[in-house]
Amino acid sequence: MPETTTTNFDLIVLGGGPGGYLAAERAGQAGLSVVLFEKNKLGGVCLNEGCIPSKTLLHSAKVFDHARNGKPYGVTTNDAKLDQSAVIKRKDRVVRRLVAGVGQTLKTAGVTVVNAAARITGRHNGRVTVTADGIAYQAPNLIIATGSEAVRLPLPGVAEGLASGRVLTNREILDLSTIPERLAVIGGGVIGLEMAAYFRSVGSEVTVIEMLDHIAGAADPELALALKQSFERDGIRFALGARVTAVEPDAVVYTQDGETHRAPATHVLLSVGRRAVTSGLGLETIGVATERGRIPVDDRCRTNVAGVYAVGDVTGEWMLAHAAYREAEVAVATILGRPDRMDYDAMPSVLYTQPELAWAGLTENEARARGITTRTASLPFAYAGRFVAETERSPGQAKLIFDERRRTLIGCHLLGSYASEIIISAGLLISTGLPVEQMKRQIFPHPTVAEIIREAIWHAWPESR
């Protein structure tokens, strides 16, 4: 279709996920004219197929678990059941509400939202042209926030399984209205473990098959092992150091220690990672460089082309919604001429399982690889009175890692209730470089599980200056 109209803006944003919609919102609030393109739904994968729907399901599992196991707390229930179709309906309500909220926020910020696929078609006199539905849009600034997609293994049986509905990605598994009898999860990262935990809680037999010799990716090895042991007590089976070779109609075939094994499965979840969405965007028309499918950027989220920025999963840096939020703010600040830069040193990561696993900063091994002399405190969450009051034999551990010479916190790793809510306090201590003496003066409300941070600081540095 020939172009019939050209519309001018200060900023074009490609993608309506966390990085895209927040960039558009911040720019609109700052007085820039902004157009945002989203071919699917506002909120992107995070809001529609990831962060929010998965947490909605996990909360239902937590409520179900409390209902079944309330006796130690003095609460008795009879015949507690989980209605998966009702869980999915609630998940859909939550998503619709939040998507509508994003739309209203963008409208209030004066952002023009175009629900269409857009393609970069050129650059002239310092202005980028993007075309959608035969209309050309121009702006001196472009933010690419097209996100990522699930990696699909090119293995025998995968394509057939996807077509039949037996093999699922993060998108399809969040819409299952029935509980799989046997679920095989390929990949022991965040998505795989959260879904393994949910479906095991609600009755599935679950096997997690992971190529590495540990789960939870970059998490602290000691706490990742403790989480695995907790999962195993709940009945999840693990095959580590295993390579999947095929998906059969009733099983997943994998090799481990030179032997071939079969994990029985009525359903299979593919969760082996995600890759940046860059193809078909027209990047080549303006010379935006890519590297192994991602768009590399500097610490101001600038690409190699002036006026063109990239944020979120498409950069391949940290595929986390909160990383995309911060990158969006940095990109918009740079466009506005305000000093700002990305700093990933205290980036938090969270597994929203039961128990939760959260971390920020360095592990001991990472610190030593940088030549840092460390001091470590490792304490059970039982040092926090609220944790003891609210849990029954639930695992909980805090590990704080300090720079011995500088007397600052450089890493925090938490396993236990509320870890996702506590990690921000550790992140602030890491990012501000607060000396131990000042950390000790911070007052934590009592009783809170967050007091474990204070306890660990004093255990690491009992002496006073």
Foldseek 3Di string as FASTA:
>chain_A
DAADAEAEWAEEEEAQALLRLLLLLVLLQVPTAYEYEAQPAHRPCCLQQHVQLLVLLQVLLVVQVCQVPVVVVVDHDPPRADQLLVSLVVSVVSSVVVSVVSVVSSVVSNYHYDNFDKAWAAADPQWTWIDTPSHIYIHNAYEYEHAWDADQDPAAPRVVCVVVVQEAESRSVSNDRDQWQEEEEEAQEQSRVSSQQSSLSNHHQYEYEYLAQFHHPQAARVVRVVVVVVVVVSRYHYHYNWAWHYDDCFWTWIDDPRDIDTHGGNHYYYHHDIAADDPPRHCVNYPFDDDPQAGAAAFLQDTPGPNYGYAECRNVPDNDSVRSSVSSVSNSCVSVVHDDGDDQQFPKDWRVHQFIKMKGFDHPVVCVVVVFDKFKFKDWLVVQVVQVVPDDPGGWMKMWIARVVLQFTGMIIITGPCPVVLSVVVSVRNVVRDHLQVVLVDDDDPRDSSCVVNVRSCVRPVDDD
